[in-house]
C-alpha atoms as a PDB file:
ATOM      1  CA  UNK A   1     -33.249  83.425 -72.513  1.00  0.00           C
ATOM      2  CA  UNK A   2     -36.848  83.242 -71.331  1.00  0.00           C
ATOM      3  CA  UNK A   3     -38.758  86.146 -72.930  1.00  0.00           C
ATOM      4  CA  UNK A   4     -41.283  85.964 -70.088  1.00  0.00           C
ATOM      5  CA  UNK A   5     -38.837  87.670 -67.727  1.00  0.00           C
ATOM      6  CA  UNK A   6     -36.714  89.725 -70.119  1.00  0.00           C
ATOM      7  CA  UNK A   7     -37.196  93.324 -69.134  1.00  0.00           C
ATOM      8  CA  UNK A   8     -35.145  96.483 -68.892  1.00  0.00           C
ATOM      9  CA  UNK A   9     -32.764  96.814 -65.956  1.00  0.00           C
ATOM     10  CA  UNK A  10     -34.294  98.290 -62.822  1.00  0.00           C
ATOM     11  CA  UNK A  11     -33.688 102.058 -62.690  1.00  0.00           C
ATOM     12  CA  UNK A  12     -31.425 103.733 -60.145  1.00  0.00           C
ATOM     13  CA  UNK A  13     -34.563 105.020 -58.368  1.00  0.00           C
ATOM     14  CA  UNK A  14     -35.439 101.421 -57.403  1.00  0.00           C
ATOM     15  CA  UNK A  15     -32.318 101.328 -55.211  1.00  0.00           C
ATOM     16  CA  UNK A  16     -32.349 104.948 -53.966  1.00  0.00           C
ATOM     17  CA  UNK A  17     -34.812 104.284 -51.158  1.00  0.00           C
ATOM     18  CA  UNK A  18     -35.259 102.400 -47.926  1.00  0.00           C
ATOM     19  CA  UNK A  19     -32.782  99.503 -47.921  1.00  0.00           C
ATOM     20  CA  UNK A  20     -35.088  97.036 -46.163  1.00  0.00           C
ATOM     21  CA  UNK A  21     -37.853  97.709 -48.690  1.00  0.00           C
ATOM     22  CA  UNK A  22     -35.399  97.355 -51.589  1.00  0.00           C
ATOM     23  CA  UNK A  23     -34.132  94.046 -50.150  1.00  0.00           C
ATOM     24  CA  UNK A  24     -37.668  92.659 -49.900  1.00  0.00           C
ATOM     25  CA  UNK A  25     -38.504  93.797 -53.415  1.00  0.00           C
ATOM     26  CA  UNK A  26     -35.317  92.383 -54.977  1.00  0.00           C
ATOM     27  CA  UNK A  27     -36.752  88.910 -54.366  1.00  0.00           C
ATOM     28  CA  UNK A  28     -37.934  87.547 -57.710  1.00  0.00           C
ATOM     29  CA  UNK A  29     -35.761  89.928 -59.740  1.00  0.00           C
ATOM     30  CA  UNK A  30     -33.251  88.523 -62.248  1.00  0.00           C
ATOM     31  CA  UNK A  31     -29.496  89.043 -61.843  1.00  0.00           C
ATOM     32  CA  UNK A  32     -27.709  88.762 -65.224  1.00  0.00           C
ATOM     33  CA  UNK A  33     -24.000  88.866 -65.954  1.00  0.00           C
ATOM     34  CA  UNK A  34     -22.368  88.968 -69.391  1.00  0.00           C
ATOM     35  CA  UNK A  35     -19.111  87.168 -70.016  1.00  0.00           C
ATOM     36  CA  UNK A  36     -18.182  87.912 -73.608  1.00  0.00           C
ATOM     37  CA  UNK A  37     -21.181  86.789 -75.663  1.00  0.00           C
ATOM     38  CA  UNK A  38     -22.533  84.501 -72.950  1.00  0.00           C
ATOM     39  CA  UNK A  39     -25.140  85.602 -70.407  1.00  0.00           C
ATOM     40  CA  UNK A  40     -25.502  83.877 -67.044  1.00  0.00           C
ATOM     41  CA  UNK A  41     -28.541  84.607 -64.924  1.00  0.00           C
ATOM     42  CA  UNK A  42     -30.480  83.661 -61.856  1.00  0.00           C
ATOM     43  CA  UNK A  43     -33.591  84.822 -60.062  1.00  0.00           C
ATOM     44  CA  UNK A  44     -32.862  86.354 -56.658  1.00  0.00           C
ATOM     45  CA  UNK A  45     -34.436  84.146 -53.983  1.00  0.00           C
ATOM     46  CA  UNK A  46     -32.505  85.289 -50.903  1.00  0.00           C
ATOM     47  CA  UNK A  47     -30.781  88.468 -49.764  1.00  0.00           C
ATOM     48  CA  UNK A  48     -29.810  90.438 -46.665  1.00  0.00           C
ATOM     49  CA  UNK A  49     -29.982  94.150 -45.839  1.00  0.00           C
ATOM     50  CA  UNK A  50     -26.990  95.978 -44.320  1.00  0.00           C
ATOM     51  CA  UNK A  51     -27.717  99.418 -42.871  1.00  0.00           C
ATOM     52  CA  UNK A  52     -25.553 102.482 -42.165  1.00  0.00           C
ATOM     53  CA  UNK A  53     -25.643 102.131 -38.338  1.00  0.00           C
ATOM     54  CA  UNK A  54     -25.429  98.319 -38.508  1.00  0.00           C
ATOM     55  CA  UNK A  55     -22.312  96.971 -36.740  1.00  0.00           C
ATOM     56  CA  UNK A  56     -22.323  93.961 -39.129  1.00  0.00           C
ATOM     57  CA  UNK A  57     -22.037  96.249 -42.165  1.00  0.00           C
ATOM     58  CA  UNK A  58     -18.728  96.875 -43.934  1.00  0.00           C
ATOM     59  CA  UNK A  59     -19.674 100.577 -43.963  1.00  0.00           C
ATOM     60  CA  UNK A  60     -20.158 100.839 -40.199  1.00  0.00           C
ATOM     61  CA  UNK A  61     -16.716 102.342 -39.517  1.00  0.00           C
ATOM     62  CA  UNK A  62     -16.790 104.623 -42.551  1.00  0.00           C
ATOM     63  CA  UNK A  63     -15.247 104.499 -46.014  1.00  0.00           C
ATOM     64  CA  UNK A  64     -11.915 102.866 -46.769  1.00  0.00           C
ATOM     65  CA  UNK A  65     -10.161 101.432 -49.813  1.00  0.00           C
ATOM     66  CA  UNK A  66     -11.945  98.076 -49.513  1.00  0.00           C
ATOM     67  CA  UNK A  67     -15.518  99.342 -49.123  1.00  0.00           C
ATOM     68  CA  UNK A  68     -15.512 102.580 -51.153  1.00  0.00           C
ATOM     69  CA  UNK A  69     -18.103 101.217 -53.623  1.00  0.00           C
ATOM     70  CA  UNK A  70     -20.575 100.868 -50.761  1.00  0.00           C
ATOM     71  CA  UNK A  71     -20.567 104.661 -50.553  1.00  0.00           C
ATOM     72  CA  UNK A  72     -21.311 105.009 -54.270  1.00  0.00           C
ATOM     73  CA  UNK A  73     -24.452 105.724 -56.228  1.00  0.00           C
ATOM     74  CA  UNK A  74     -27.605 103.664 -55.705  1.00  0.00           C
ATOM     75  CA  UNK A  75     -27.614 100.648 -58.013  1.00  0.00           C
ATOM     76  CA  UNK A  76     -23.839 100.166 -57.858  1.00  0.00           C
ATOM     77  CA  UNK A  77     -22.328  96.731 -57.233  1.00  0.00           C
ATOM     78  CA  UNK A  78     -20.178  96.410 -54.133  1.00  0.00           C
ATOM     79  CA  UNK A  79     -18.154  93.217 -54.533  1.00  0.00           C
ATOM     80  CA  UNK A  80     -15.837  92.124 -51.753  1.00  0.00           C
ATOM     81  CA  UNK A  81     -13.800  89.031 -51.019  1.00  0.00           C
ATOM     82  CA  UNK A  82     -13.706  87.009 -47.845  1.00  0.00           C
ATOM     83  CA  UNK A  83     -11.193  84.140 -47.661  1.00  0.00           C
ATOM     84  CA  UNK A  84     -10.742  84.428 -51.441  1.00  0.00           C
ATOM     85  CA  UNK A  85     -14.471  84.120 -52.174  1.00  0.00           C
ATOM     86  CA  UNK A  86     -16.337  86.945 -53.941  1.00  0.00           C
ATOM     87  CA  UNK A  87     -19.672  88.231 -52.591  1.00  0.00           C
ATOM     88  CA  UNK A  88     -21.894  90.856 -54.234  1.00  0.00           C
ATOM     89  CA  UNK A  89     -24.027  93.590 -52.723  1.00  0.00           C
ATOM     90  CA  UNK A  90     -26.121  96.228 -54.454  1.00  0.00           C
ATOM     91  CA  UNK A  91     -25.821  99.733 -53.000  1.00  0.00           C
ATOM     92  CA  UNK A  92     -29.102 101.371 -52.020  1.00  0.00           C
ATOM     93  CA  UNK A  93     -28.619 104.529 -49.982  1.00  0.00           C
ATOM     94  CA  UNK A  94     -25.090 105.754 -49.248  1.00  0.00           C
ATOM     95  CA  UNK A  95     -23.358 103.289 -46.917  1.00  0.00           C
ATOM     96  CA  UNK A  96     -26.232 100.795 -47.190  1.00  0.00           C
ATOM     97  CA  UNK A  97     -26.532  97.745 -49.406  1.00  0.00           C
ATOM     98  CA  UNK A  98     -28.248  94.431 -50.071  1.00  0.00           C
ATOM     99  CA  UNK A  99     -26.160  91.234 -50.142  1.00  0.00           C
ATOM    100  CA  UNK A 100     -27.315  88.760 -52.796  1.00  0.00           C
ATOM    101  CA  UNK A 101     -27.312  85.420 -50.920  1.00  0.00           C
ATOM    102  CA  UNK A 102     -28.919  82.994 -53.390  1.00  0.00           C
ATOM    103  CA  UNK A 103     -30.388  82.806 -56.888  1.00  0.00           C
ATOM    104  CA  UNK A 104     -32.459  80.242 -58.739  1.00  0.00           C
ATOM    105  CA  UNK A 105     -30.489  79.416 -61.918  1.00  0.00           C
ATOM    106  CA  UNK A 106     -32.064  80.512 -65.209  1.00  0.00           C
ATOM    107  CA  UNK A 107     -29.411  80.845 -67.924  1.00  0.00           C
ATOM    108  CA  UNK A 108     -26.049  79.067 -68.397  1.00  0.00           C
ATOM    109  CA  UNK A 109     -25.553  78.240 -64.707  1.00  0.00           C
ATOM    110  CA  UNK A 110     -24.227  74.782 -63.912  1.00  0.00           C
ATOM    111  CA  UNK A 111     -22.885  75.128 -60.370  1.00  0.00           C
ATOM    112  CA  UNK A 112     -24.649  75.639 -57.009  1.00  0.00           C
ATOM    113  CA  UNK A 113     -26.061  79.079 -56.204  1.00  0.00           C
ATOM    114  CA  UNK A 114     -27.192  78.633 -52.589  1.00  0.00           C
ATOM    115  CA  UNK A 115     -24.868  81.091 -50.888  1.00  0.00           C
ATOM    116  CA  UNK A 116     -23.323  84.485 -51.678  1.00  0.00           C
ATOM    117  CA  UNK A 117     -19.945  83.085 -52.725  1.00  0.00           C
ATOM    118  CA  UNK A 118     -21.600  80.396 -54.831  1.00  0.00           C
ATOM    119  CA  UNK A 119     -23.733  83.009 -56.611  1.00  0.00           C
ATOM    120  CA  UNK A 120     -20.631  84.956 -57.622  1.00  0.00           C
ATOM    121  CA  UNK A 121     -18.746  81.826 -58.682  1.00  0.00           C
ATOM    122  CA  UNK A 122     -21.674  80.497 -60.749  1.00  0.00           C
ATOM    123  CA  UNK A 123     -22.366  83.815 -62.481  1.00  0.00           C
ATOM    124  CA  UNK A 124     -18.717  84.845 -62.912  1.00  0.00           C
ATOM    125  CA  UNK A 125     -18.909  87.918 -60.659  1.00  0.00           C
ATOM    126  CA  UNK A 126     -15.519  89.174 -59.453  1.00  0.00           C
ATOM    127  CA  UNK A 127     -14.281  92.187 -57.542  1.00  0.00           C
ATOM    128  CA  UNK A 128     -11.899  93.076 -60.367  1.00  0.00           C
ATOM    129  CA  UNK A 129     -14.607  93.163 -63.066  1.00  0.00           C
ATOM    130  CA  UNK A 130     -17.740  94.167 -61.194  1.00  0.00           C
ATOM    131  CA  UNK A 131     -16.969  96.186 -58.046  1.00  0.00           C
ATOM    132  CA  UNK A 132     -18.243  99.739 -58.506  1.00  0.00           C
ATOM    133  CA  UNK A 133     -20.110  98.854 -61.722  1.00  0.00           C
ATOM    134  CA  UNK A 134     -23.766  99.923 -62.116  1.00  0.00           C
ATOM    135  CA  UNK A 135     -26.250  97.036 -62.102  1.00  0.00           C
ATOM    136  CA  UNK A 136     -28.113  98.758 -64.929  1.00  0.00           C
ATOM    137  CA  UNK A 137     -25.962  97.227 -67.694  1.00  0.00           C
ATOM    138  CA  UNK A 138     -24.372  96.621 -70.068  1.00  0.00           C
ATOM    139  CA  UNK A 139     -22.503  93.662 -68.504  1.00  0.00           C
ATOM    140  CA  UNK A 140     -24.182  93.429 -65.096  1.00  0.00           C
ATOM    141  CA  UNK A 141     -27.890  94.020 -64.634  1.00  0.00           C
ATOM    142  CA  UNK A 142     -30.847  93.323 -62.412  1.00  0.00           C
ATOM    143  CA  UNK A 143     -34.129  92.988 -64.289  1.00  0.00           C
ATOM    144  CA  UNK A 144     -37.712  92.927 -63.170  1.00  0.00           C
ATOM    145  CA  UNK A 145     -38.310  89.234 -62.574  1.00  0.00           C
ATOM    146  CA  UNK A 146     -40.687  86.598 -63.716  1.00  0.00           C
ATOM    147  CA  UNK A 147     -41.198  84.720 -60.478  1.00  0.00           C
ATOM    148  CA  UNK A 148     -44.914  84.152 -60.071  1.00  0.00           C
ATOM    149  CA  UNK A 149     -46.661  84.621 -56.757  1.00  0.00           C
ATOM    150  CA  UNK A 150     -44.480  83.584 -53.846  1.00  0.00           C
ATOM    151  CA  UNK A 151     -44.369  83.861 -50.084  1.00  0.00           C
ATOM    152  CA  UNK A 152     -41.522  85.999 -48.782  1.00  0.00           C
ATOM    153  CA  UNK A 153     -40.063  85.066 -45.410  1.00  0.00           C
ATOM    154  CA  UNK A 154     -37.820  86.982 -43.039  1.00  0.00           C
ATOM    155  CA  UNK A 155     -35.235  85.821 -40.506  1.00  0.00           C
ATOM    156  CA  UNK A 156     -32.020  86.931 -38.813  1.00  0.00           C
ATOM    157  CA  UNK A 157     -28.997  87.101 -41.106  1.00  0.00           C
ATOM    158  CA  UNK A 158     -26.620  84.183 -41.551  1.00  0.00           C
ATOM    159  CA  UNK A 159     -22.923  84.186 -40.673  1.00  0.00           C
ATOM    160  CA  UNK A 160     -22.661  87.488 -38.805  1.00  0.00           C
ATOM    161  CA  UNK A 161     -21.491  87.979 -35.229  1.00  0.00           C
ATOM    162  CA  UNK A 162     -22.755  91.536 -34.694  1.00  0.00           C
ATOM    163  CA  UNK A 163     -26.418  92.526 -34.790  1.00  0.00           C
ATOM    164  CA  UNK A 164     -27.139  88.907 -35.624  1.00  0.00           C
ATOM    165  CA  UNK A 165     -30.705  88.924 -34.267  1.00  0.00           C
ATOM    166  CA  UNK A 166     -31.901  91.672 -36.621  1.00  0.00           C
ATOM    167  CA  UNK A 167     -34.577  90.355 -39.029  1.00  0.00           C
ATOM    168  CA  UNK A 168     -32.795  91.540 -42.176  1.00  0.00           C
ATOM    169  CA  UNK A 169     -32.604  88.312 -44.213  1.00  0.00           C
ATOM    170  CA  UNK A 170     -35.331  87.912 -46.826  1.00  0.00           C
ATOM    171  CA  UNK A 171     -36.014  84.797 -48.860  1.00  0.00           C
ATOM    172  CA  UNK A 172     -38.577  82.980 -50.966  1.00  0.00           C
ATOM    173  CA  UNK A 173     -40.192  80.460 -48.658  1.00  0.00           C
ATOM    174  CA  UNK A 174     -39.728  76.797 -49.644  1.00  0.00           C
ATOM    175  CA  UNK A 175     -37.451  77.646 -52.590  1.00  0.00           C
ATOM    176  CA  UNK A 176     -34.863  74.876 -52.903  1.00  0.00           C
ATOM    177  CA  UNK A 177     -32.101  77.311 -53.899  1.00  0.00           C
ATOM    178  CA  UNK A 178     -32.215  79.311 -50.661  1.00  0.00           C
ATOM    179  CA  UNK A 179     -29.070  78.839 -48.564  1.00  0.00           C
ATOM    180  CA  UNK A 180     -29.368  77.174 -45.217  1.00  0.00           C
ATOM    181  CA  UNK A 181     -27.104  77.365 -42.206  1.00  0.00           C
ATOM    182  CA  UNK A 182     -25.388  74.034 -41.641  1.00  0.00           C
ATOM    183  CA  UNK A 183     -26.587  72.194 -38.537  1.00  0.00           C
ATOM    184  CA  UNK A 184     -24.398  73.216 -35.625  1.00  0.00           C
ATOM    185  CA  UNK A 185     -22.729  75.999 -37.646  1.00  0.00           C
ATOM    186  CA  UNK A 186     -21.630  79.009 -35.648  1.00  0.00           C
ATOM    187  CA  UNK A 187     -21.754  82.576 -36.889  1.00  0.00           C
ATOM    188  CA  UNK A 188     -18.336  83.863 -37.910  1.00  0.00           C
END
């Protein structure tokens, strides 16, 4: 573990505010996951905001069994599966969340992390273990990061069919771990 970025987990108040602002400010923070005695971590370099009135959001039609964590307390993980692949969001305000799209590997990460499913696979995040769990520890935490000065960029989200033009994707410009749409790929 690099002591230069080891900090306390971000408090619930960090998440209990404007979702777009929280998404921007999650860039450079460190996502850590404990698996037994092993920690896996990566610095957040890309994420997307999903808002209450956003037709691309899982919360748009209201709470159900699948998305109930998205209506939980700020700083709660909302982990869902799509085609058997886990993806993790962090709840901000009720029915709003930030999808973690990519991390720069820091600790015990050997597989690619340039996409939301790859982040969960590389860090060992699953719906069964982490959905509804606070990201303030002890086994899942987001820490104040150690990424030096960087340029944040904004673009439309990737892989959505509704509200796809909204500029709600945030990423560290020129970071090699940021996910990229495949040439010719269509939004699903």
